[in-house]
PDB file of N, CA and C in Angstrom:
ATOM      1  N   MET A   1     -74.891-114.864 -75.127  1.00  0.00           N
ATOM      2  CA  MET A   1     -73.767-113.835 -74.541  1.00  0.00           C
ATOM      3  C   MET A   1     -74.691-112.950 -73.656  1.00  0.00           C
ATOM      4  N   SER A   2     -74.089-112.340 -72.698  1.00  0.00           N
ATOM      5  CA  SER A   2     -74.946-111.694 -71.957  1.00  0.00           C
ATOM      6  C   SER A   2     -75.251-110.397 -72.372  1.00  0.00           C
ATOM      7  N   THR A   3     -75.991-109.510 -71.824  1.00  0.00           N
ATOM      8  CA  THR A   3     -76.331-108.072 -72.059  1.00  0.00           C
ATOM      9  C   THR A   3     -75.212-107.174 -71.950  1.00  0.00           C
ATOM     10  N   LEU A   4     -74.947-106.451 -73.199  1.00  0.00           N
ATOM     11  CA  LEU A   4     -74.072-105.560 -73.193  1.00  0.00           C
ATOM     12  C   LEU A   4     -74.298-104.146 -72.985  1.00  0.00           C
ATOM     13  N   TYR A   5     -73.792-103.359 -72.478  1.00  0.00           N
ATOM     14  CA  TYR A   5     -73.926-102.028 -71.906  1.00  0.00           C
ATOM     15  C   TYR A   5     -72.909-101.007 -73.090  1.00  0.00           C
ATOM     16  N   ARG A   6     -73.755 -99.866 -73.583  1.00  0.00           N
ATOM     17  CA  ARG A   6     -72.650 -99.143 -74.322  1.00  0.00           C
ATOM     18  C   ARG A   6     -71.854 -98.331 -73.223  1.00  0.00           C
ATOM     19  N   SER A   7     -70.830 -97.791 -73.464  1.00  0.00           N
ATOM     20  CA  SER A   7     -69.796 -97.150 -72.940  1.00  0.00           C
ATOM     21  C   SER A   7     -68.824 -96.342 -73.505  1.00  0.00           C
ATOM     22  N   GLN A   8     -68.567 -95.085 -73.293  1.00  0.00           N
ATOM     23  CA  GLN A   8     -67.792 -94.352 -74.111  1.00  0.00           C
ATOM     24  C   GLN A   8     -66.207 -94.392 -73.575  1.00  0.00           C
ATOM     25  N   ILE A   9     -65.204 -94.502 -74.374  1.00  0.00           N
ATOM     26  CA  ILE A   9     -63.912 -94.444 -73.810  1.00  0.00           C
ATOM     27  C   ILE A   9     -62.813 -93.521 -74.434  1.00  0.00           C
ATOM     28  N   LEU A  10     -62.142 -92.867 -73.919  1.00  0.00           N
ATOM     29  CA  LEU A  10     -61.464 -91.766 -74.786  1.00  0.00           C
ATOM     30  C   LEU A  10     -59.841 -92.565 -74.554  1.00  0.00           C
ATOM     31  N   LEU A  11     -59.317 -92.706 -76.021  1.00  0.00           N
ATOM     32  CA  LEU A  11     -58.043 -93.443 -76.068  1.00  0.00           C
ATOM     33  C   LEU A  11     -57.067 -92.248 -76.705  1.00  0.00           C
ATOM     34  N   GLU A  12     -56.018 -92.387 -76.074  1.00  0.00           N
ATOM     35  CA  GLU A  12     -54.858 -91.845 -76.751  1.00  0.00           C
ATOM     36  C   GLU A  12     -54.738 -92.246 -78.330  1.00  0.00           C
ATOM     37  N   GLN A  13     -54.057 -91.701 -79.257  1.00  0.00           N
ATOM     38  CA  GLN A  13     -53.916 -92.034 -80.645  1.00  0.00           C
ATOM     39  C   GLN A  13     -53.051 -93.306 -80.707  1.00  0.00           C
ATOM     40  N   ASP A  14     -51.961 -93.548 -80.195  1.00  0.00           N
ATOM     41  CA  ASP A  14     -51.377 -95.002 -80.197  1.00  0.00           C
ATOM     42  C   ASP A  14     -52.005 -96.037 -79.798  1.00  0.00           C
ATOM     43  N   GLN A  15     -52.825 -95.667 -78.645  1.00  0.00           N
ATOM     44  CA  GLN A  15     -53.407 -96.573 -77.946  1.00  0.00           C
ATOM     45  C   GLN A  15     -54.540 -97.262 -78.949  1.00  0.00           C
ATOM     46  N   TYR A  16     -55.347 -96.365 -79.695  1.00  0.00           N
ATOM     47  CA  TYR A  16     -56.271 -96.668 -80.465  1.00  0.00           C
ATOM     48  C   TYR A  16     -55.865 -97.354 -81.768  1.00  0.00           C
ATOM     49  N   ASP A  17     -54.829 -96.863 -82.156  1.00  0.00           N
ATOM     50  CA  ASP A  17     -54.145 -97.548 -83.556  1.00  0.00           C
ATOM     51  C   ASP A  17     -53.747 -98.981 -83.324  1.00  0.00           C
ATOM     52  N   ALA A  18     -53.041 -99.014 -81.912  1.00  0.00           N
ATOM     53  CA  ALA A  18     -52.732-100.434 -81.730  1.00  0.00           C
ATOM     54  C   ALA A  18     -53.888-101.386 -81.364  1.00  0.00           C
ATOM     55  N   LEU A  19     -54.833-101.019 -80.742  1.00  0.00           N
ATOM     56  CA  LEU A  19     -56.216-101.854 -80.554  1.00  0.00           C
ATOM     57  C   LEU A  19     -56.845-102.135 -81.899  1.00  0.00           C
ATOM     58  N   LYS A  20     -57.056-101.182 -82.807  1.00  0.00           N
ATOM     59  CA  LYS A  20     -57.433-101.336 -84.125  1.00  0.00           C
ATOM     60  C   LYS A  20     -56.618-102.426 -85.065  1.00  0.00           C
ATOM     61  N   ARG A  21     -55.520-102.409 -84.998  1.00  0.00           N
ATOM     62  CA  ARG A  21     -54.432-103.245 -85.725  1.00  0.00           C
ATOM     63  C   ARG A  21     -54.845-104.811 -85.051  1.00  0.00           C
ATOM     64  N   ILE A  22     -54.633-104.701 -83.592  1.00  0.00           N
ATOM     65  CA  ILE A  22     -54.896-106.074 -83.152  1.00  0.00           C
ATOM     66  C   ILE A  22     -56.423-106.764 -83.662  1.00  0.00           C
ATOM     67  N   ALA A  23     -57.282-105.739 -83.496  1.00  0.00           N
ATOM     68  CA  ALA A  23     -58.508-106.287 -83.664  1.00  0.00           C
ATOM     69  C   ALA A  23     -58.442-106.831 -85.193  1.00  0.00           C
ATOM     70  N   HIS A  24     -58.009-106.004 -86.133  1.00  0.00           N
ATOM     71  CA  HIS A  24     -57.921-106.486 -87.554  1.00  0.00           C
ATOM     72  C   HIS A  24     -57.437-107.586 -87.905  1.00  0.00           C
ATOM     73  N   GLU A  25     -56.071-107.662 -87.369  1.00  0.00           N
ATOM     74  CA  GLU A  25     -55.316-108.899 -87.205  1.00  0.00           C
ATOM     75  C   GLU A  25     -56.035-110.174 -86.917  1.00  0.00           C
ATOM     76  N   ASP A  26     -56.804-110.094 -85.849  1.00  0.00           N
ATOM     77  CA  ASP A  26     -57.527-111.048 -85.149  1.00  0.00           C
ATOM     78  C   ASP A  26     -58.727-111.392 -85.710  1.00  0.00           C
ATOM     79  N   GLY A  27     -59.412-110.345 -86.569  1.00  0.00           N
ATOM     80  CA  GLY A  27     -60.487-110.529 -87.208  1.00  0.00           C
ATOM     81  C   GLY A  27     -61.899-110.418 -86.283  1.00  0.00           C
ATOM     82  N   ARG A  28     -61.447-109.512 -85.228  1.00  0.00           N
ATOM     83  CA  ARG A  28     -62.577-109.339 -84.255  1.00  0.00           C
ATOM     84  C   ARG A  28     -62.696-107.797 -84.308  1.00  0.00           C
ATOM     85  N   SER A  29     -63.788-107.155 -83.692  1.00  0.00           N
ATOM     86  CA  SER A  29     -64.230-105.895 -83.439  1.00  0.00           C
ATOM     87  C   SER A  29     -63.312-105.021 -82.280  1.00  0.00           C
ATOM     88  N   LEU A  30     -63.217-103.913 -82.313  1.00  0.00           N
ATOM     89  CA  LEU A  30     -62.626-103.126 -81.260  1.00  0.00           C
ATOM     90  C   LEU A  30     -63.067-103.377 -79.854  1.00  0.00           C
ATOM     91  N   SER A  31     -64.542-103.532 -80.031  1.00  0.00           N
ATOM     92  CA  SER A  31     -65.216-103.807 -78.968  1.00  0.00           C
ATOM     93  C   SER A  31     -65.003-105.223 -78.161  1.00  0.00           C
ATOM     94  N   GLU A  32     -64.697-106.078 -79.002  1.00  0.00           N
ATOM     95  CA  GLU A  32     -64.356-107.385 -78.441  1.00  0.00           C
ATOM     96  C   GLU A  32     -63.046-107.207 -77.857  1.00  0.00           C
ATOM     97  N   ILE A  33     -62.113-106.375 -78.592  1.00  0.00           N
ATOM     98  CA  ILE A  33     -60.869-106.418 -77.956  1.00  0.00           C
ATOM     99  C   ILE A  33     -60.989-105.811 -76.441  1.00  0.00           C
ATOM    100  N   MET A  34     -61.562-104.742 -76.430  1.00  0.00           N
ATOM    101  CA  MET A  34     -61.945-104.033 -75.463  1.00  0.00           C
ATOM    102  C   MET A  34     -62.683-104.679 -74.073  1.00  0.00           C
ATOM    103  N   ARG A  35     -63.461-105.842 -74.545  1.00  0.00           N
ATOM    104  CA  ARG A  35     -64.049-106.122 -73.614  1.00  0.00           C
ATOM    105  C   ARG A  35     -63.108-107.455 -73.051  1.00  0.00           C
ATOM    106  N   GLU A  36     -62.324-107.865 -73.611  1.00  0.00           N
ATOM    107  CA  GLU A  36     -61.395-109.030 -73.317  1.00  0.00           C
ATOM    108  C   GLU A  36     -60.364-108.435 -72.374  1.00  0.00           C
ATOM    109  N   ILE A  37     -59.675-107.249 -72.767  1.00  0.00           N
ATOM    110  CA  ILE A  37     -58.934-106.465 -71.986  1.00  0.00           C
ATOM    111  C   ILE A  37     -59.600-106.171 -70.594  1.00  0.00           C
ATOM    112  N   VAL A  38     -60.536-105.807 -70.339  1.00  0.00           N
ATOM    113  CA  VAL A  38     -61.596-105.508 -69.176  1.00  0.00           C
ATOM    114  C   VAL A  38     -61.522-106.813 -68.681  1.00  0.00           C
ATOM    115  N   ARG A  39     -62.130-107.845 -69.148  1.00  0.00           N
ATOM    116  CA  ARG A  39     -62.164-109.045 -68.465  1.00  0.00           C
ATOM    117  C   ARG A  39     -60.928-109.652 -67.871  1.00  0.00           C
ATOM    118  N   GLN A  40     -59.766-109.433 -68.407  1.00  0.00           N
ATOM    119  CA  GLN A  40     -58.285-109.890 -67.994  1.00  0.00           C
ATOM    120  C   GLN A  40     -58.167-108.938 -66.805  1.00  0.00           C
ATOM    121  N   TYR A  41     -58.510-107.646 -66.999  1.00  0.00           N
ATOM    122  CA  TYR A  41     -58.114-106.772 -65.811  1.00  0.00           C
ATOM    123  C   TYR A  41     -58.873-107.117 -64.764  1.00  0.00           C
ATOM    124  N   LEU A  42     -60.095-107.133 -64.698  1.00  0.00           N
ATOM    125  CA  LEU A  42     -61.018-107.651 -63.589  1.00  0.00           C
ATOM    126  C   LEU A  42     -60.651-108.889 -62.907  1.00  0.00           C
ATOM    127  N   ALA A  43     -60.218-109.805 -63.735  1.00  0.00           N
ATOM    128  CA  ALA A  43     -59.798-111.160 -63.092  1.00  0.00           C
ATOM    129  C   ALA A  43     -58.474-111.023 -62.278  1.00  0.00           C
ATOM    130  N   GLY A  44     -57.985-109.916 -63.114  1.00  0.00           N
ATOM    131  CA  GLY A  44     -56.443-109.772 -62.194  1.00  0.00           C
ATOM    132  C   GLY A  44     -56.619-109.019 -60.753  1.00  0.00           C
ATOM    133  N   GLN A  45     -57.777-108.208 -60.899  1.00  0.00           N
ATOM    134  CA  GLN A  45     -57.922-107.259 -59.549  1.00  0.00           C
ATOM    135  C   GLN A  45     -58.768-108.330 -58.680  1.00  0.00           C
ATOM    136  N   GLU A  46     -59.265-109.382 -59.132  1.00  0.00           N
ATOM    137  CA  GLU A  46     -60.028-110.440 -58.112  1.00  0.00           C
ATOM    138  C   GLU A  46     -58.839-111.211 -57.538  1.00  0.00           C
ATOM    139  N   LYS A  47     -58.020-111.673 -58.361  1.00  0.00           N
ATOM    140  CA  LYS A  47     -56.890-112.546 -57.909  1.00  0.00           C
ATOM    141  C   LYS A  47     -55.908-111.719 -56.838  1.00  0.00           C
ATOM    142  N   GLU A  48     -55.806-110.580 -57.248  1.00  0.00           N
ATOM    143  CA  GLU A  48     -54.959-109.827 -56.289  1.00  0.00           C
ATOM    144  C   GLU A  48     -55.794-109.563 -54.833  1.00  0.00           C
ATOM    145  N   ALA A  49     -57.111-109.170 -55.001  1.00  0.00           N
ATOM    146  CA  ALA A  49     -57.963-109.059 -53.846  1.00  0.00           C
ATOM    147  C   ALA A  49     -58.024-110.495 -52.908  1.00  0.00           C
ATOM    148  N   ARG A  50     -58.045-111.709 -53.785  1.00  0.00           N
ATOM    149  CA  ARG A  50     -57.923-112.722 -52.799  1.00  0.00           C
ATOM    150  C   ARG A  50     -56.503-113.236 -52.206  1.00  0.00           C
ATOM    151  N   THR A  51     -55.278-112.658 -53.052  1.00  0.00           N
ATOM    152  CA  THR A  51     -54.226-112.903 -52.397  1.00  0.00           C
ATOM    153  C   THR A  51     -53.933-111.984 -51.144  1.00  0.00           C
ATOM    154  N   LYS A  52     -54.374-110.832 -51.326  1.00  0.00           N
ATOM    155  CA  LYS A  52     -54.249-109.983 -50.318  1.00  0.00           C
ATOM    156  C   LYS A  52     -55.136-110.417 -49.045  1.00  0.00           C
ATOM    157  N   GLN A  53     -56.406-110.815 -48.989  1.00  0.00           N
ATOM    158  CA  GLN A  53     -57.140-111.350 -48.139  1.00  0.00           C
ATOM    159  C   GLN A  53     -56.427-112.883 -47.474  1.00  0.00           C
ATOM    160  N   GLU A  54     -55.866-113.625 -48.184  1.00  0.00           N
ATOM    161  CA  GLU A  54     -55.206-114.677 -47.813  1.00  0.00           C
ATOM    162  C   GLU A  54     -53.790-114.630 -47.180  1.00  0.00           C
ATOM    163  N   LEU A  55     -53.178-113.179 -47.524  1.00  0.00           N
ATOM    164  CA  LEU A  55     -51.959-112.895 -46.843  1.00  0.00           C
ATOM    165  C   LEU A  55     -52.375-112.300 -45.283  1.00  0.00           C
ATOM    166  N   GLN A  56     -53.614-111.672 -45.131  1.00  0.00           N
ATOM    167  CA  GLN A  56     -54.169-111.053 -44.052  1.00  0.00           C
ATOM    168  C   GLN A  56     -54.528-112.234 -43.087  1.00  0.00           C
ATOM    169  N   ALA A  57     -55.183-113.194 -43.715  1.00  0.00           N
ATOM    170  CA  ALA A  57     -55.330-114.492 -42.776  1.00  0.00           C
ATOM    171  C   ALA A  57     -54.004-115.065 -42.340  1.00  0.00           C
ATOM    172  N   LEU A  58     -53.050-115.079 -42.892  1.00  0.00           N
ATOM    173  CA  LEU A  58     -51.776-115.742 -42.625  1.00  0.00           C
ATOM    174  C   LEU A  58     -51.017-114.863 -41.327  1.00  0.00           C
ATOM    175  N   GLU A  59     -51.246-113.414 -41.777  1.00  0.00           N
ATOM    176  CA  GLU A  59     -50.827-112.648 -40.571  1.00  0.00           C
ATOM    177  C   GLU A  59     -51.421-112.880 -39.521  1.00  0.00           C
ATOM    178  N   ASN A  60     -53.015-112.897 -39.575  1.00  0.00           N
ATOM    179  CA  ASN A  60     -53.590-112.857 -38.351  1.00  0.00           C
ATOM    180  C   ASN A  60     -53.355-114.332 -37.691  1.00  0.00           C
ATOM    181  N   LEU A  61     -53.101-115.513 -38.264  1.00  0.00           N
ATOM    182  CA  LEU A  61     -52.600-116.814 -37.690  1.00  0.00           C
ATOM    183  C   LEU A  61     -51.453-116.657 -36.951  1.00  0.00           C
ATOM    184  N   ALA A  62     -50.428-116.073 -37.590  1.00  0.00           N
ATOM    185  CA  ALA A  62     -48.836-115.824 -36.980  1.00  0.00           C
ATOM    186  C   ALA A  62     -49.383-114.999 -35.668  1.00  0.00           C
ATOM    187  N   ARG A  63     -49.993-114.044 -35.660  1.00  0.00           N
ATOM    188  CA  ARG A  63     -50.168-112.915 -34.259  1.00  0.00           C
ATOM    189  C   ARG A  63     -50.784-113.823 -33.516  1.00  0.00           C
ATOM    190  N   ILE A  64     -52.080-114.874 -33.624  1.00  0.00           N
ATOM    191  CA  ILE A  64     -52.587-115.561 -32.511  1.00  0.00           C
ATOM    192  C   ILE A  64     -51.474-116.618 -32.313  1.00  0.00           C
ATOM    193  N   ARG A  65     -50.698-116.993 -33.110  1.00  0.00           N
ATOM    194  CA  ARG A  65     -49.714-118.387 -32.730  1.00  0.00           C
ATOM    195  C   ARG A  65     -48.624-117.403 -31.742  1.00  0.00           C
ATOM    196  N   THR A  66     -48.441-116.493 -32.104  1.00  0.00           N
ATOM    197  CA  THR A  66     -47.409-115.569 -31.119  1.00  0.00           C
ATOM    198  C   THR A  66     -48.019-115.402 -29.841  1.00  0.00           C
ATOM    199  N   GLN A  67     -49.302-115.000 -29.792  1.00  0.00           N
ATOM    200  CA  GLN A  67     -50.054-115.029 -28.362  1.00  0.00           C
ATOM    201  C   GLN A  67     -50.068-115.955 -27.644  1.00  0.00           C
ATOM    202  N   ILE A  68     -50.376-116.840 -28.262  1.00  0.00           N
ATOM    203  CA  ILE A  68     -50.417-118.422 -27.678  1.00  0.00           C
ATOM    204  C   ILE A  68     -49.077-118.832 -26.956  1.00  0.00           C
ATOM    205  N   ARG A  69     -47.994-118.700 -27.649  1.00  0.00           N
ATOM    206  CA  ARG A  69     -46.854-118.965 -27.484  1.00  0.00           C
ATOM    207  C   ARG A  69     -46.606-118.398 -26.262  1.00  0.00           C
ATOM    208  N   GLU A  70     -46.813-116.793 -26.291  1.00  0.00           N
ATOM    209  CA  GLU A  70     -46.227-116.114 -25.299  1.00  0.00           C
ATOM    210  C   GLU A  70     -47.294-116.306 -23.950  1.00  0.00           C
ATOM    211  N   ARG A  71     -48.605-116.811 -23.975  1.00  0.00           N
ATOM    212  CA  ARG A  71     -49.399-117.153 -22.914  1.00  0.00           C
ATOM    213  C   ARG A  71     -48.739-118.359 -22.391  1.00  0.00           C
ATOM    214  N   CYS A  72     -48.759-119.369 -23.211  1.00  0.00           N
ATOM    215  CA  CYS A  72     -48.810-120.839 -22.827  1.00  0.00           C
ATOM    216  C   CYS A  72     -47.213-121.155 -22.830  1.00  0.00           C
ATOM    217  N   GLY A  73     -46.388-120.742 -23.741  1.00  0.00           N
ATOM    218  CA  GLY A  73     -44.936-121.249 -23.761  1.00  0.00           C
ATOM    219  C   GLY A  73     -45.023-122.231 -24.929  1.00  0.00           C
ATOM    220  N   VAL A  74     -43.875-122.961 -25.047  1.00  0.00           N
ATOM    221  CA  VAL A  74     -43.749-123.874 -26.038  1.00  0.00           C
ATOM    222  C   VAL A  74     -43.265-125.198 -25.449  1.00  0.00           C
ATOM    223  N   TYR A  75     -43.923-126.419 -26.042  1.00  0.00           N
ATOM    224  CA  TYR A  75     -43.817-127.714 -25.620  1.00  0.00           C
ATOM    225  C   TYR A  75     -42.323-128.164 -25.896  1.00  0.00           C
ATOM    226  N   PRO A  76     -41.444-128.356 -24.863  1.00  0.00           N
ATOM    227  CA  PRO A  76     -39.933-128.633 -25.346  1.00  0.00           C
ATOM    228  C   PRO A  76     -39.372-130.082 -26.105  1.00  0.00           C
ATOM    229  N   GLY A  77     -40.657-130.987 -25.811  1.00  0.00           N
ATOM    230  CA  GLY A  77     -40.256-132.182 -26.355  1.00  0.00           C
ATOM    231  C   GLY A  77     -40.841-132.295 -27.976  1.00  0.00           C
ATOM    232  N   ASN A  78     -40.898-133.599 -28.375  1.00  0.00           N
ATOM    233  CA  ASN A  78     -41.079-133.626 -29.617  1.00  0.00           C
ATOM    234  C   ASN A  78     -42.536-134.774 -29.549  1.00  0.00           C
ATOM    235  N   LEU A  79     -43.598-134.188 -29.942  1.00  0.00           N
ATOM    236  CA  LEU A  79     -44.888-134.906 -29.551  1.00  0.00           C
ATOM    237  C   LEU A  79     -44.830-136.049 -30.561  1.00  0.00           C
ATOM    238  N   LEU A  80     -44.672-135.847 -31.756  1.00  0.00           N
ATOM    239  CA  LEU A  80     -44.788-136.916 -32.687  1.00  0.00           C
ATOM    240  C   LEU A  80     -44.010-138.161 -32.371  1.00  0.00           C
ATOM    241  N   THR A  81     -42.684-137.869 -32.144  1.00  0.00           N
ATOM    242  CA  THR A  81     -41.883-139.010 -31.509  1.00  0.00           C
ATOM    243  C   THR A  81     -42.355-139.453 -30.348  1.00  0.00           C
ATOM    244  N   GLU A  82     -42.634-138.922 -29.346  1.00  0.00           N
ATOM    245  CA  GLU A  82     -43.583-139.428 -28.133  1.00  0.00           C
ATOM    246  C   GLU A  82     -44.601-140.180 -28.332  1.00  0.00           C
ATOM    247  N   ALA A  83     -45.341-139.799 -29.228  1.00  0.00           N
ATOM    248  CA  ALA A  83     -46.558-140.373 -29.557  1.00  0.00           C
ATOM    249  C   ALA A  83     -46.289-141.733 -30.065  1.00  0.00           C
ATOM    250  N   ARG A  84     -45.320-141.736 -31.080  1.00  0.00           N
ATOM    251  CA  ARG A  84     -45.066-143.091 -31.662  1.00  0.00           C
ATOM    252  C   ARG A  84     -44.418-143.896 -30.578  1.00  0.00           C
ATOM    253  N   ALA A  85     -43.803-143.626 -29.824  1.00  0.00           N
ATOM    254  CA  ALA A  85     -42.968-144.335 -28.430  1.00  0.00           C
ATOM    255  C   ALA A  85     -44.278-144.978 -27.816  1.00  0.00           C
ATOM    256  N   GLU A  86     -44.945-144.178 -27.462  1.00  0.00           N
ATOM    257  CA  GLU A  86     -46.497-144.708 -26.578  1.00  0.00           C
ATOM    258  C   GLU A  86     -47.103-145.703 -27.570  1.00  0.00           C
ATOM    259  N   TRP A  87     -47.122-145.310 -28.787  1.00  0.00           N
ATOM    260  CA  TRP A  87     -48.286-146.444 -29.369  1.00  0.00           C
ATOM    261  C   TRP A  87     -47.509-147.641 -29.863  1.00  0.00           C
ATOM    262  N   GLU A  88     -46.019-147.688 -29.862  1.00  0.00           N
ATOM    263  CA  GLU A  88     -45.104-148.668 -30.061  1.00  0.00           C
ATOM    264  C   GLU A  88     -45.106-149.553 -28.604  1.00  0.00           C
ATOM    265  N   GLN A  89     -45.208-149.066 -27.466  1.00  0.00           N
ATOM    266  CA  GLN A  89     -45.227-149.556 -26.246  1.00  0.00           C
ATOM    267  C   GLN A  89     -46.675-150.128 -25.889  1.00  0.00           C
ATOM    268  N   ASP A  90     -47.767-149.663 -26.424  1.00  0.00           N
ATOM    269  CA  ASP A  90     -49.042-149.922 -26.522  1.00  0.00           C
ATOM    270  C   ASP A  90     -49.208-151.556 -27.313  1.00  0.00           C
ATOM    271  N   VAL A  91     -48.724-151.266 -28.516  1.00  0.00           N
ATOM    272  CA  VAL A  91     -48.589-152.426 -29.251  1.00  0.00           C
ATOM    273  C   VAL A  91     -47.890-153.905 -28.752  1.00  0.00           C
ATOM    274  N   GLU A  92     -46.566-153.249 -28.153  1.00  0.00           N
ATOM    275  CA  GLU A  92     -46.017-154.405 -27.581  1.00  0.00           C
ATOM    276  C   GLU A  92     -46.550-155.022 -26.541  1.00  0.00           C
ATOM    277  N   ARG A  93     -47.385-154.400 -25.710  1.00  0.00           N
ATOM    278  CA  ARG A  93     -48.380-154.962 -24.522  1.00  0.00           C
ATOM    279  C   ARG A  93     -49.398-155.656 -25.067  1.00  0.00           C
ATOM    280  N   VAL A  94     -50.165-155.126 -26.055  1.00  0.00           N
ATOM    281  CA  VAL A  94     -50.975-155.855 -26.799  1.00  0.00           C
ATOM    282  C   VAL A  94     -50.603-157.508 -27.236  1.00  0.00           C
ATOM    283  N   TRP A  95     -49.402-157.275 -27.875  1.00  0.00           N
ATOM    284  CA  TRP A  95     -48.659-158.534 -28.630  1.00  0.00           C
ATOM    285  C   TRP A  95     -48.331-159.438 -27.254  1.00  0.00           C
ATOM    286  N   ARG A  96     -47.725-159.075 -26.299  1.00  0.00           N
ATOM    287  CA  ARG A  96     -47.549-160.069 -25.335  1.00  0.00           C
ATOM    288  C   ARG A  96     -48.732-160.274 -24.172  1.00  0.00           C
ATOM    289  N   GLY A  97     -50.060-159.871 -24.675  1.00  0.00           N
ATOM    290  CA  GLY A  97     -51.198-160.394 -24.201  1.00  0.00           C
ATOM    291  C   GLY A  97     -51.360-159.708 -22.890  1.00  0.00           C
ATOM    292  N   GLU A  98     -50.794-158.145 -22.661  1.00  0.00           N
ATOM    293  CA  GLU A  98     -51.337-158.018 -21.107  1.00  0.00           C
ATOM    294  C   GLU A  98     -52.153-156.605 -21.503  1.00  0.00           C
ATOM    295  N   GLY A  99     -52.988-156.429 -22.471  1.00  0.00           N
ATOM    296  CA  GLY A  99     -53.600-155.440 -22.374  1.00  0.00           C
ATOM    297  C   GLY A  99     -54.668-155.407 -23.746  1.00  0.00           C
TER     298      GLY A  99
END
């Protein structure tokens, strides 16, 4: 177990009663319950921060994509279809012994 630090927290009566009841039912101390609550809260905060960072990255990518589209335009063709056709032509030439 890691080092524990003493902290004081003031709870409302109904919060204290509910936590004491949960601790008693689980056979754990009030401190264990509070540490679990804090651990879950911190994990949620970390997840929220990661999500916010990922959304910001996606927004940046969308902005860059828009800038590229405005500067260079959009290719009107279908690159995948064209590449596949070119590959098939190359295979056909090799099959016929032309290259």
